[in-house]
Amino acid sequence: MIDSGRQYHHRTSYERGRLGGHFLDWANQPAVYKEYPGGVTFELPPEIRRPEGRLSDVLKRSPGKMSPLSIELLSSVIGTAYTLTARTRHSDGDFFFRSVPSAGALYPFELYLAAGSVEGLEDGLYHFSIARHGLSRLRRNGPVKEDASPHLAFFMTAIFFRSAWKYRDRSYRYHLMDTGHLLENLVLTLRAFGLPCRVSYDFEDESANAFLGVEPRREVCLAVLQVADPAVAPFRIPDHAEALPEAIQAASRVSPKEIDYPLPAEMHACSAHAARTPVDVPAAAGSLGPAPDEWRPLPRPGYWPESLDFAESVVRRRSLRNFVPRALGRDSFSALLSVLCLDDPPGGLERMGDHCVCPGLLAGNVEGVDPGFYLVDPAASSWGSAARGALIEPMTRVCLDQEWLSHCALHVVMIANLDLFEEVWGPRGYRYAMLTAGRLGERVYLAATALGLGCCGIGAFYDGEAAKLLGLNQSSRMLYLLGVGPVKKLPPYS
């Protein structure tokens, strides 16, 4: 039985020569759209108002004060952050890609929202249908709040079998990282619209899942995002929400014959209770093993060579692998460095991401930067050289020998000390780390897209070999890798 994040991570680690291939059961491929049989779904306003500004502007923008909420604004927020973006044709029909990256394009996440006093929308709990850009109302009452001011809360869940169908017991890693991708898209989009928000990973699982009406053996809540001023008391999820009809709960099933892979559910169950709030959290950058001789302030690029604005970057983002061996410009490199520090507003996540995940860089073909391994300390907004030498090629071998990675100018890695966040936050800390890795990864995706570069995330690698290559101590592991660099051709947008 899994009882810690470290145990789960090691139990699901890949080792060379011991992977063992398996065939995908195409007859039971999970549905990527959640449907409520007989449920009433109404479409949101189709006119999407895109927020103004480039990604560099949005990242510097201070959260605004809460303004009146309307269904038109809600439609624009969701339609910017989470929408269908591209179509490919298969023998069995069309497949639509989304503005949020997902391992294997399996899209385990679902999006819900609870609204109160939103103009044009009745109070209640809703499920968002990305296929219809519409809402299905599940409850007539929204979250518990002390006053009648406008309020909105997004809930992000993951459906276990969607990713487990392909990735089996390792899939809980992807549930968390993919949900982090969606969360960061929403956070940045709200900021682009000038709306304040508060991120929370801390809630009692039983209450949250019951409120959403999901079947917790199949679907679970992983993150909450409240649209509210930081000074306002957060909404409260009802402790004993009235059970929703069985037909609503049954919608968490996405395949006629779902196989139960036990480790994701065990890992989630052992982290079911909200973590204690630590008094003092050491920075992750000093706990990994490698120690730069000198830490330097992160460069603050005065110029971002952006070719797209923020909203265009979200909808045009793709996972690209057609890298070419050309140098990454110094301005683009500085811009990518600058996105690796999360800056949640006061009253939000208490900067947990700054403490449990340390980004790193494997520089290969970067203008003005020696090849090697560099660490980033988000808490101190600094970076330093941890190892010299050409590491892109050996990391390619570590990542299941995927040759396209060898042509990247840069590898961005997310690293964490598994023992550190276990000691500080208990098993819940594993969620913090993997969700934060996903949030940071989405920032890299968006920055690369805005800069006219290619980017593709990797969650499959030989875990022990990656730790050895990076010189990590026994407690630390690489969680996520993203290849970045110039590509042969950018895809057309339609």
Protein backbone atom coordinates (compact mmCIF):
# COMPACT_ATOMS: atom_id res chain seq x y z
CA MET A 1 0.00 0.00 0.00
CA ILE A 2 1.36 3.42 -0.98
CA ASP A 3 1.84 5.75 1.98
CA SER A 4 4.09 8.53 0.65
CA GLY A 5 4.88 10.50 -2.49
CA ARG A 6 8.44 9.26 -2.50
CA GLN A 7 7.27 5.62 -2.39
CA TYR A 8 4.85 6.19 -5.27
CA HIS A 9 7.48 7.97 -7.34
CA HIS A 10 10.01 5.18 -6.89
CA ARG A 11 7.43 2.45 -7.49
CA THR A 12 6.56 4.05 -10.85
CA SER A 13 10.13 4.80 -11.97
CA TYR A 14 11.34 3.53 -15.34
CA GLU A 15 14.50 1.44 -15.61
CA ARG A 16 16.33 0.63 -18.82
CA GLY A 17 15.63 -2.91 -20.00
CA ARG A 18 12.75 -3.37 -17.55
CA LEU A 19 9.91 -1.39 -19.10
CA GLY A 20 8.06 -4.24 -20.74
CA GLY A 21 5.90 -3.22 -23.67
CA HIS A 22 2.13 -3.43 -23.63
CA PHE A 23 -0.58 -3.11 -26.24
CA LEU A 24 -3.19 -0.38 -26.08
CA ASP A 25 -6.74 -1.71 -25.85
CA TRP A 26 -8.26 0.42 -28.59
CA ALA A 27 -11.71 -1.09 -28.07
CA ASN A 28 -11.74 0.50 -24.61
CA GLN A 29 -10.04 3.78 -25.44
CA PRO A 30 -11.40 6.34 -22.95
CA ALA A 31 -13.67 9.14 -24.13
CA VAL A 32 -12.01 12.55 -23.93
CA TYR A 33 -15.28 14.43 -23.45
CA LYS A 34 -17.39 14.05 -20.32
CA GLU A 35 -21.09 13.85 -21.04
CA TYR A 36 -24.11 13.98 -18.74
CA PRO A 37 -26.88 11.82 -20.27
CA GLY A 38 -30.10 13.77 -20.32
CA GLY A 39 -28.40 16.79 -18.80
CA VAL A 40 -29.21 20.28 -20.02
CA THR A 41 -26.20 21.97 -21.57
CA PHE A 42 -26.45 25.56 -22.72
CA GLU A 43 -23.85 27.30 -24.81
CA LEU A 44 -21.86 30.22 -23.50
CA PRO A 45 -21.84 33.43 -25.56
CA PRO A 46 -19.82 32.63 -28.72
CA GLU A 47 -18.13 36.05 -28.98
CA ILE A 48 -14.75 35.65 -27.30
CA ARG A 49 -13.06 38.90 -26.32
CA ARG A 50 -9.33 38.25 -26.22
CA PRO A 51 -7.30 40.02 -23.53
CA GLU A 52 -4.76 42.56 -24.73
CA GLY A 53 -1.01 42.41 -24.17
CA ARG A 54 1.90 40.07 -24.76
CA LEU A 55 3.00 37.36 -22.35
CA SER A 56 5.81 39.60 -21.11
CA ASP A 57 3.22 42.26 -20.26
CA VAL A 58 0.89 39.80 -18.54
CA LEU A 59 3.69 38.41 -16.34
CA LYS A 60 4.55 41.92 -15.13
CA ARG A 61 0.93 42.94 -14.61
CA SER A 62 -0.19 43.23 -11.00
CA PRO A 63 -3.50 41.52 -10.21
CA GLY A 64 -6.34 44.01 -10.39
CA LYS A 65 -9.25 44.52 -8.04
CA MET A 66 -12.38 42.46 -8.32
CA SER A 67 -14.75 43.86 -10.93
CA PRO A 68 -18.33 42.90 -11.78
CA LEU A 69 -18.58 39.50 -13.39
CA SER A 70 -20.76 38.69 -16.37
CA ILE A 71 -21.43 35.59 -18.42
CA GLU A 72 -19.78 37.34 -21.39
CA LEU A 73 -16.56 37.84 -19.39
CA LEU A 74 -16.71 34.26 -18.12
CA SER A 75 -17.07 32.98 -21.69
CA SER A 76 -14.06 35.04 -22.77
CA VAL A 77 -11.88 33.80 -19.89
CA ILE A 78 -12.64 30.14 -20.55
CA GLY A 79 -12.62 30.58 -24.32
CA THR A 80 -9.10 32.00 -24.11
CA ALA A 81 -7.62 29.62 -21.53
CA TYR A 82 -9.26 26.32 -22.45
CA THR A 83 -10.54 25.77 -25.96
CA LEU A 84 -10.26 23.51 -29.00
CA THR A 85 -7.45 24.70 -31.25
CA ALA A 86 -6.67 22.19 -34.02
CA ARG A 87 -8.18 19.20 -35.77
CA THR A 88 -6.64 16.08 -37.21
CA ARG A 89 -8.47 13.43 -39.21
CA HIS A 90 -8.36 9.73 -38.34
CA SER A 91 -10.06 6.73 -39.91
CA ASP A 92 -12.61 6.71 -37.10
CA GLY A 93 -13.32 10.47 -37.19
CA ASP A 94 -11.90 13.84 -36.28
CA PHE A 95 -9.72 14.47 -33.22
CA PHE A 96 -9.45 17.94 -31.73
CA PHE A 97 -6.40 19.26 -29.90
CA ARG A 98 -6.70 21.79 -27.11
CA SER A 99 -5.02 24.92 -25.82
CA VAL A 100 -3.72 22.89 -22.86
CA PRO A 101 -0.97 20.28 -23.41
CA SER A 102 -1.56 16.74 -22.19
CA ALA A 103 0.56 13.60 -22.13
CA GLY A 104 -0.48 11.43 -25.06
CA ALA A 105 -3.30 13.91 -25.87
CA LEU A 106 -5.46 11.99 -23.36
CA TYR A 107 -6.75 15.08 -21.51
CA PRO A 108 -7.50 13.59 -18.09
CA PHE A 109 -8.69 16.91 -16.63
CA GLU A 110 -12.22 18.29 -16.34
CA LEU A 111 -13.24 21.84 -15.48
CA TYR A 112 -16.09 22.88 -13.17
CA LEU A 113 -17.12 26.27 -11.89
CA ALA A 114 -19.22 27.53 -9.02
CA ALA A 115 -20.74 30.96 -9.57
CA GLY A 116 -22.63 33.48 -7.47
CA SER A 117 -24.01 36.87 -8.53
CA VAL A 118 -22.54 36.56 -12.03
CA GLU A 119 -24.64 38.69 -14.38
CA GLY A 120 -26.49 36.54 -16.90
CA LEU A 121 -25.78 33.24 -15.08
CA GLU A 122 -27.94 31.66 -12.41
CA ASP A 123 -26.10 30.81 -9.20
CA GLY A 124 -24.90 27.25 -8.99
CA LEU A 125 -22.30 24.62 -9.77
CA TYR A 126 -21.58 23.89 -13.44
CA HIS A 127 -19.51 21.51 -15.54
CA PHE A 128 -17.80 23.06 -18.56
CA SER A 129 -18.11 21.19 -21.86
CA ILE A 130 -15.17 22.11 -24.09
CA ALA A 131 -16.79 20.33 -27.05
CA ARG A 132 -19.81 22.66 -26.90
CA HIS A 133 -18.24 25.65 -25.14
CA GLY A 134 -21.19 25.28 -22.80
CA LEU A 135 -22.22 24.60 -19.23
CA SER A 136 -24.27 21.88 -17.54
CA ARG A 137 -25.73 22.94 -14.22
CA LEU A 138 -25.26 20.33 -11.49
CA ARG A 139 -26.41 22.28 -8.42
CA ARG A 140 -28.55 25.34 -7.89
CA ASN A 141 -26.46 26.53 -4.96
CA GLY A 142 -22.91 27.79 -5.28
CA PRO A 143 -20.13 27.76 -2.68
CA VAL A 144 -20.81 29.04 0.82
CA LYS A 145 -19.87 32.73 1.08
CA GLU A 146 -20.48 35.39 3.72
CA ASP A 147 -21.81 38.09 1.39
CA ALA A 148 -23.59 38.40 -1.95
CA SER A 149 -20.70 39.96 -3.89
CA PRO A 150 -19.89 38.42 -7.27
CA HIS A 151 -17.70 35.35 -6.93
CA LEU A 152 -16.44 32.54 -9.08
CA ALA A 153 -14.43 29.41 -8.36
CA PHE A 154 -12.92 26.95 -10.83
CA PHE A 155 -12.43 23.30 -9.84
CA MET A 156 -10.04 21.07 -11.77
CA THR A 157 -10.39 17.29 -11.60
CA ALA A 158 -8.68 14.32 -13.22
CA ILE A 159 -10.32 11.14 -14.47
CA PHE A 160 -7.98 8.27 -13.58
CA PHE A 161 -8.57 5.92 -16.51
CA ARG A 162 -7.97 8.48 -19.25
CA SER A 163 -4.22 8.55 -18.62
CA ALA A 164 -3.99 5.11 -16.98
CA TRP A 165 -5.24 3.51 -20.22
CA LYS A 166 -1.80 4.25 -21.69
CA TYR A 167 0.51 5.05 -18.79
CA ARG A 168 -0.87 2.63 -16.19
CA ASP A 169 0.46 3.11 -12.66
CA ARG A 170 2.71 6.03 -13.67
CA SER A 171 -0.36 7.97 -14.80
CA TYR A 172 -0.91 9.91 -11.55
CA ARG A 173 2.19 11.92 -12.45
CA TYR A 174 0.46 13.02 -15.67
CA HIS A 175 -2.84 13.68 -13.92
CA LEU A 176 -1.08 16.25 -11.75
CA MET A 177 1.18 17.81 -14.40
CA ASP A 178 -1.62 18.09 -16.96
CA THR A 179 -3.90 19.70 -14.37
CA GLY A 180 -1.06 22.12 -13.60
CA HIS A 181 -0.98 23.07 -17.30
CA LEU A 182 -4.69 23.95 -17.22
CA LEU A 183 -4.39 25.79 -13.90
CA GLU A 184 -1.60 28.05 -15.15
CA ASN A 185 -3.50 28.87 -18.35
CA LEU A 186 -6.42 30.03 -16.20
CA VAL A 187 -4.22 31.99 -13.77
CA LEU A 188 -2.48 33.87 -16.58
CA THR A 189 -5.71 34.49 -18.48
CA LEU A 190 -7.38 35.96 -15.39
CA ARG A 191 -4.35 38.19 -14.89
CA ALA A 192 -4.52 39.24 -18.54
CA PHE A 193 -8.13 40.31 -17.97
CA GLY A 194 -7.12 42.19 -14.80
CA LEU A 195 -8.93 39.82 -12.43
CA PRO A 196 -7.42 38.73 -9.09
CA CYS A 197 -7.37 35.07 -8.13
CA ARG A 198 -6.38 32.71 -5.34
CA VAL A 199 -4.92 29.22 -5.97
CA SER A 200 -5.56 26.38 -3.54
CA TYR A 201 -4.46 22.76 -3.49
CA ASP A 202 -5.65 22.41 0.11
CA PHE A 203 -9.13 21.04 0.69
CA GLU A 204 -10.55 17.85 2.10
CA ASP A 205 -10.93 15.45 -0.81
CA GLU A 206 -14.17 13.90 0.42
CA SER A 207 -15.96 17.26 0.66
CA ALA A 208 -14.68 18.53 -2.70
CA ASN A 209 -15.53 15.36 -4.61
CA ALA A 210 -18.99 15.16 -3.04
CA PHE A 211 -19.69 18.81 -3.91
CA LEU A 212 -18.69 18.22 -7.55
CA GLY A 213 -20.76 15.05 -7.77
CA VAL A 214 -17.93 12.90 -9.14
CA GLU A 215 -17.43 9.22 -8.50
CA PRO A 216 -14.18 9.35 -6.45
CA ARG A 217 -13.01 5.90 -7.53
CA ARG A 218 -12.79 7.31 -11.06
CA GLU A 219 -12.50 11.11 -10.84
CA VAL A 220 -10.98 13.38 -8.20
CA CYS A 221 -10.52 17.08 -7.52
CA LEU A 222 -6.88 18.26 -7.66
CA ALA A 223 -6.93 22.07 -7.63
CA VAL A 224 -9.21 25.05 -6.97
CA LEU A 225 -8.89 28.58 -8.36
CA GLN A 226 -11.04 31.31 -6.82
CA VAL A 227 -11.59 34.60 -8.62
CA ALA A 228 -11.51 37.03 -5.70
CA ASP A 229 -9.56 39.80 -4.03
CA PRO A 230 -6.80 38.35 -1.81
CA ALA A 231 -8.17 40.21 1.22
CA VAL A 232 -11.61 38.62 0.90
CA ALA A 233 -12.23 35.47 2.91
CA PRO A 234 -12.19 32.39 0.66
CA PHE A 235 -15.37 30.53 -0.13
CA ARG A 236 -16.07 27.38 1.79
CA ILE A 237 -16.82 24.01 0.21
CA PRO A 238 -19.80 22.51 2.05
CA ASP A 239 -18.75 19.74 4.44
CA HIS A 240 -21.86 17.71 3.74
CA ALA A 241 -23.10 18.51 0.25
CA GLU A 242 -26.32 16.83 -0.82
CA ALA A 243 -25.51 13.80 -2.96
CA LEU A 244 -26.15 14.33 -6.65
CA PRO A 245 -28.11 11.73 -8.65
CA GLU A 246 -26.31 8.50 -9.56
CA ALA A 247 -26.58 9.35 -13.26
CA ILE A 248 -24.42 12.43 -12.65
CA GLN A 249 -21.85 10.47 -10.67
CA ALA A 250 -21.81 7.74 -13.33
CA ALA A 251 -20.62 10.30 -15.90
CA SER A 252 -17.12 9.88 -14.41
CA ARG A 253 -16.93 6.58 -16.30
CA VAL A 254 -15.23 7.08 -19.68
CA SER A 255 -14.87 3.55 -21.05
CA PRO A 256 -17.11 0.45 -21.07
CA LYS A 257 -14.34 -1.70 -19.58
CA GLU A 258 -12.08 0.27 -17.27
CA ILE A 259 -9.05 -1.44 -15.76
CA ASP A 260 -8.22 -0.50 -12.20
CA TYR A 261 -4.52 0.38 -11.85
CA PRO A 262 -4.12 0.60 -8.07
CA LEU A 263 -1.13 2.87 -7.48
CA PRO A 264 -2.67 6.20 -8.66
CA ALA A 265 -5.70 5.69 -6.44
CA GLU A 266 -3.51 4.63 -3.50
CA MET A 267 -1.27 7.67 -3.89
CA HIS A 268 -4.25 9.98 -4.10
CA ALA A 269 -5.92 8.39 -1.08
CA CYS A 270 -2.87 8.70 1.16
CA SER A 271 -2.77 12.45 0.41
CA ALA A 272 -6.50 12.98 0.96
CA HIS A 273 -6.23 15.46 3.81
CA ALA A 274 -5.09 19.07 3.56
CA ALA A 275 -1.46 19.57 4.53
CA ARG A 276 -0.28 21.35 7.65
CA THR A 277 1.02 24.88 7.13
CA PRO A 278 4.79 24.93 7.68
CA VAL A 279 6.52 27.62 9.69
CA ASP A 280 9.72 27.68 7.66
CA VAL A 281 10.36 25.95 4.34
CA PRO A 282 13.91 25.60 3.03
CA ALA A 283 14.40 26.49 -0.63
CA ALA A 284 14.51 23.44 -2.88
CA ALA A 285 17.54 24.73 -4.76
CA GLY A 286 19.82 24.02 -1.82
CA SER A 287 18.60 20.49 -1.17
CA LEU A 288 19.24 18.67 -4.46
CA GLY A 289 22.94 17.82 -4.35
CA PRO A 290 24.47 20.06 -7.05
CA ALA A 291 25.68 23.36 -5.62
CA PRO A 292 26.63 26.23 -7.93
CA ASP A 293 29.79 28.09 -6.90
CA GLU A 294 28.08 31.37 -7.62
CA TRP A 295 24.44 32.45 -7.77
CA ARG A 296 23.67 35.36 -10.08
CA PRO A 297 20.46 37.41 -10.38
CA LEU A 298 18.16 36.16 -13.12
CA PRO A 299 18.43 38.38 -16.18
CA ARG A 300 15.46 40.68 -16.63
CA PRO A 301 15.20 41.00 -20.38
CA GLY A 302 14.42 44.51 -21.51
CA TYR A 303 13.39 43.08 -24.85
CA TRP A 304 11.37 39.95 -25.58
CA PRO A 305 11.53 38.99 -29.28
CA GLU A 306 7.85 37.98 -29.19
CA SER A 307 6.03 37.39 -32.43
CA LEU A 308 2.62 36.68 -30.85
CA ASP A 309 0.59 38.27 -28.09
CA PHE A 310 -0.52 36.30 -25.03
CA ALA A 311 -3.92 35.13 -26.28
CA GLU A 312 -2.45 34.05 -29.64
CA SER A 313 0.29 32.14 -27.81
CA VAL A 314 -2.32 30.19 -25.84
CA VAL A 315 -4.36 29.13 -28.85
CA ARG A 316 -1.39 28.49 -31.17
CA ARG A 317 0.63 26.46 -28.67
CA ARG A 318 1.56 23.01 -30.00
CA SER A 319 3.86 20.21 -28.88
CA LEU A 320 6.49 20.42 -31.62
CA ARG A 321 9.39 18.02 -32.24
CA ASN A 322 10.79 19.20 -35.57
CA PHE A 323 13.82 20.89 -33.97
CA VAL A 324 16.77 22.04 -36.04
CA PRO A 325 20.36 22.54 -34.79
CA ARG A 326 20.32 26.36 -34.71
CA ALA A 327 21.41 28.56 -31.82
CA LEU A 328 18.87 29.93 -29.37
CA GLY A 329 19.28 33.72 -29.16
CA ARG A 330 20.38 35.28 -25.89
CA ASP A 331 17.26 37.49 -25.62
CA SER A 332 15.01 34.45 -26.06
CA PHE A 333 17.06 32.52 -23.48
CA SER A 334 16.72 35.37 -20.95
CA ALA A 335 12.97 35.52 -21.59
CA LEU A 336 12.64 31.77 -20.96
CA LEU A 337 14.62 32.11 -17.73
CA SER A 338 12.34 34.86 -16.50
CA VAL A 339 9.17 32.73 -16.64
CA LEU A 340 10.49 30.10 -14.21
CA CYS A 341 9.39 31.88 -11.03
CA LEU A 342 5.76 31.60 -9.99
CA ASP A 343 4.43 34.71 -8.29
CA ASP A 344 1.03 33.90 -6.84
CA PRO A 345 -0.68 36.86 -5.12
CA PRO A 346 -0.86 37.25 -1.33
CA GLY A 347 -3.49 35.06 0.24
CA GLY A 348 -3.04 32.41 -2.44
CA LEU A 349 -0.75 29.42 -2.47
CA GLU A 350 1.79 30.91 -0.03
CA ARG A 351 4.47 30.44 -2.69
CA MET A 352 4.65 26.69 -2.12
CA GLY A 353 5.86 26.19 -5.68
CA ASP A 354 8.92 28.30 -5.02
CA HIS A 355 9.96 25.92 -2.28
CA CYS A 356 9.18 22.43 -3.53
CA VAL A 357 10.30 22.59 -7.19
CA CYS A 358 13.62 23.80 -8.56
CA PRO A 359 13.85 24.45 -12.32
CA GLY A 360 17.06 23.64 -14.14
CA LEU A 361 18.47 24.17 -17.61
CA LEU A 362 20.61 21.98 -19.84
CA ALA A 363 22.11 24.50 -22.24
CA GLY A 364 23.32 23.09 -25.53
CA ASN A 365 23.24 25.53 -28.39
CA VAL A 366 22.54 28.85 -26.64
CA GLU A 367 24.13 32.09 -27.75
CA GLY A 368 26.60 33.38 -25.15
CA VAL A 369 25.99 30.53 -22.68
CA ASP A 370 28.48 27.72 -22.11
CA PRO A 371 27.04 24.19 -22.49
CA GLY A 372 26.16 22.72 -19.12
CA PHE A 373 23.64 22.30 -16.33
CA TYR A 374 22.29 25.41 -14.60
CA LEU A 375 20.00 25.61 -11.56
CA VAL A 376 17.37 28.29 -10.95
CA ASP A 377 16.40 29.35 -7.42
CA PRO A 378 12.90 30.83 -7.77
CA ALA A 379 12.80 31.99 -4.15
CA ALA A 380 15.89 34.17 -4.67
CA SER A 381 15.32 34.91 -8.41
CA SER A 382 18.85 33.69 -9.15
CA TRP A 383 20.66 31.07 -11.21
CA GLY A 384 24.05 29.39 -11.25
CA SER A 385 26.17 26.81 -13.06
CA ALA A 386 25.96 23.33 -11.50
CA ALA A 387 27.98 21.36 -14.10
CA ARG A 388 29.91 22.05 -17.28
CA GLY A 389 29.85 20.09 -20.49
CA ALA A 390 27.56 18.83 -23.25
CA LEU A 391 24.57 17.14 -21.58
CA ILE A 392 21.86 17.38 -24.25
CA GLU A 393 22.93 14.16 -26.00
CA PRO A 394 23.19 12.01 -22.83
CA MET A 395 19.84 13.37 -21.58
CA THR A 396 18.34 12.32 -24.91
CA ARG A 397 19.45 8.75 -24.16
CA VAL A 398 17.88 9.03 -20.69
CA CYS A 399 14.55 10.11 -22.23
CA LEU A 400 13.93 6.70 -23.81
CA ASP A 401 16.33 7.49 -26.69
CA GLN A 402 13.92 9.91 -28.38
CA GLU A 403 16.30 11.26 -31.00
CA TRP A 404 14.45 14.52 -31.67
CA LEU A 405 15.50 15.74 -28.20
CA SER A 406 19.15 15.82 -29.30
CA HIS A 407 18.36 18.67 -31.72
CA CYS A 408 16.96 20.98 -29.02
CA ALA A 409 18.96 24.06 -28.10
CA LEU A 410 17.82 23.77 -24.48
CA HIS A 411 16.27 21.29 -22.07
CA VAL A 412 14.27 22.76 -19.18
CA VAL A 413 13.98 20.35 -16.23
CA MET A 414 11.86 20.45 -13.06
CA ILE A 415 13.52 18.87 -10.02
CA ALA A 416 12.38 18.23 -6.44
CA ASN A 417 13.71 16.70 -3.25
CA LEU A 418 11.11 14.02 -2.51
CA ASP A 419 12.08 13.74 1.16
CA LEU A 420 11.92 17.51 1.68
CA PHE A 421 8.34 18.02 0.62
CA GLU A 422 7.30 14.81 2.40
CA GLU A 423 8.77 16.10 5.67
CA VAL A 424 7.25 19.56 5.27
CA TRP A 425 3.79 18.77 3.91
CA GLY A 426 3.35 15.02 4.26
CA PRO A 427 1.97 13.00 1.30
CA ARG A 428 0.03 16.06 0.09
CA GLY A 429 3.37 17.62 -0.83
CA TYR A 430 3.64 15.31 -3.82
CA ARG A 431 0.61 17.03 -5.33
CA TYR A 432 2.21 20.44 -4.73
CA ALA A 433 5.38 19.41 -6.53
CA MET A 434 3.82 17.78 -9.59
CA LEU A 435 1.12 20.45 -10.03
CA THR A 436 3.79 23.14 -9.76
CA ALA A 437 5.97 21.33 -12.31
CA GLY A 438 3.01 21.41 -14.68
CA ARG A 439 2.37 25.11 -14.07
CA LEU A 440 6.00 25.99 -14.75
CA GLY A 441 5.98 23.73 -17.81
CA GLU A 442 2.99 25.58 -19.25
CA ARG A 443 4.84 28.87 -18.80
CA VAL A 444 7.73 27.44 -20.83
CA TYR A 445 5.31 26.26 -23.52
CA LEU A 446 3.68 29.68 -23.79
CA ALA A 447 6.95 31.59 -23.75
CA ALA A 448 8.42 29.36 -26.45
CA THR A 449 5.30 29.84 -28.59
CA ALA A 450 5.36 33.61 -28.13
CA LEU A 451 9.04 33.66 -29.15
CA GLY A 452 8.46 31.61 -32.31
CA LEU A 453 10.20 28.53 -30.89
CA GLY A 454 9.24 24.88 -30.61
CA CYS A 455 8.57 23.14 -27.29
CA CYS A 456 7.59 19.63 -26.24
CA GLY A 457 7.23 18.20 -22.74
CA ILE A 458 8.53 14.77 -21.65
CA GLY A 459 7.32 12.83 -18.63
CA ALA A 460 8.78 9.44 -19.65
CA PHE A 461 12.45 8.86 -18.84
CA TYR A 462 14.70 6.53 -16.90
CA ASP A 463 14.36 8.15 -13.50
CA GLY A 464 17.53 6.82 -11.89
CA GLU A 465 19.65 7.64 -14.93
CA ALA A 466 18.30 11.19 -15.02
CA ALA A 467 19.20 11.72 -11.37
CA LYS A 468 22.71 10.34 -11.93
CA LEU A 469 23.32 12.50 -15.01
CA LEU A 470 22.27 15.64 -13.12
CA GLY A 471 24.30 14.69 -10.04
CA LEU A 472 21.25 14.67 -7.75
CA ASN A 473 21.34 13.19 -4.27
CA GLN A 474 19.36 10.07 -3.39
CA SER A 475 16.35 12.06 -2.19
CA SER A 476 15.95 14.12 -5.36
CA ARG A 477 14.49 13.33 -8.77
CA MET A 478 13.69 14.99 -12.08
CA LEU A 479 9.91 15.35 -12.45
CA TYR A 480 9.50 16.82 -15.93
CA LEU A 481 11.57 17.85 -18.95
CA LEU A 482 10.75 20.21 -21.81
CA GLY A 483 12.79 20.44 -25.01
CA VAL A 484 12.98 23.97 -26.45
CA GLY A 485 14.60 25.51 -29.50
CA PRO A 486 14.25 26.64 -33.11
CA VAL A 487 12.12 24.39 -35.31
CA LYS A 488 12.11 23.72 -39.03
CA LYS A 489 8.61 25.06 -39.53
CA LEU A 490 5.86 26.39 -37.33
CA PRO A 491 2.41 24.85 -37.92
CA PRO A 492 -0.29 26.91 -39.63
CA TYR A 493 -3.08 28.19 -37.48
CA SER A 494 -6.69 27.72 -38.42
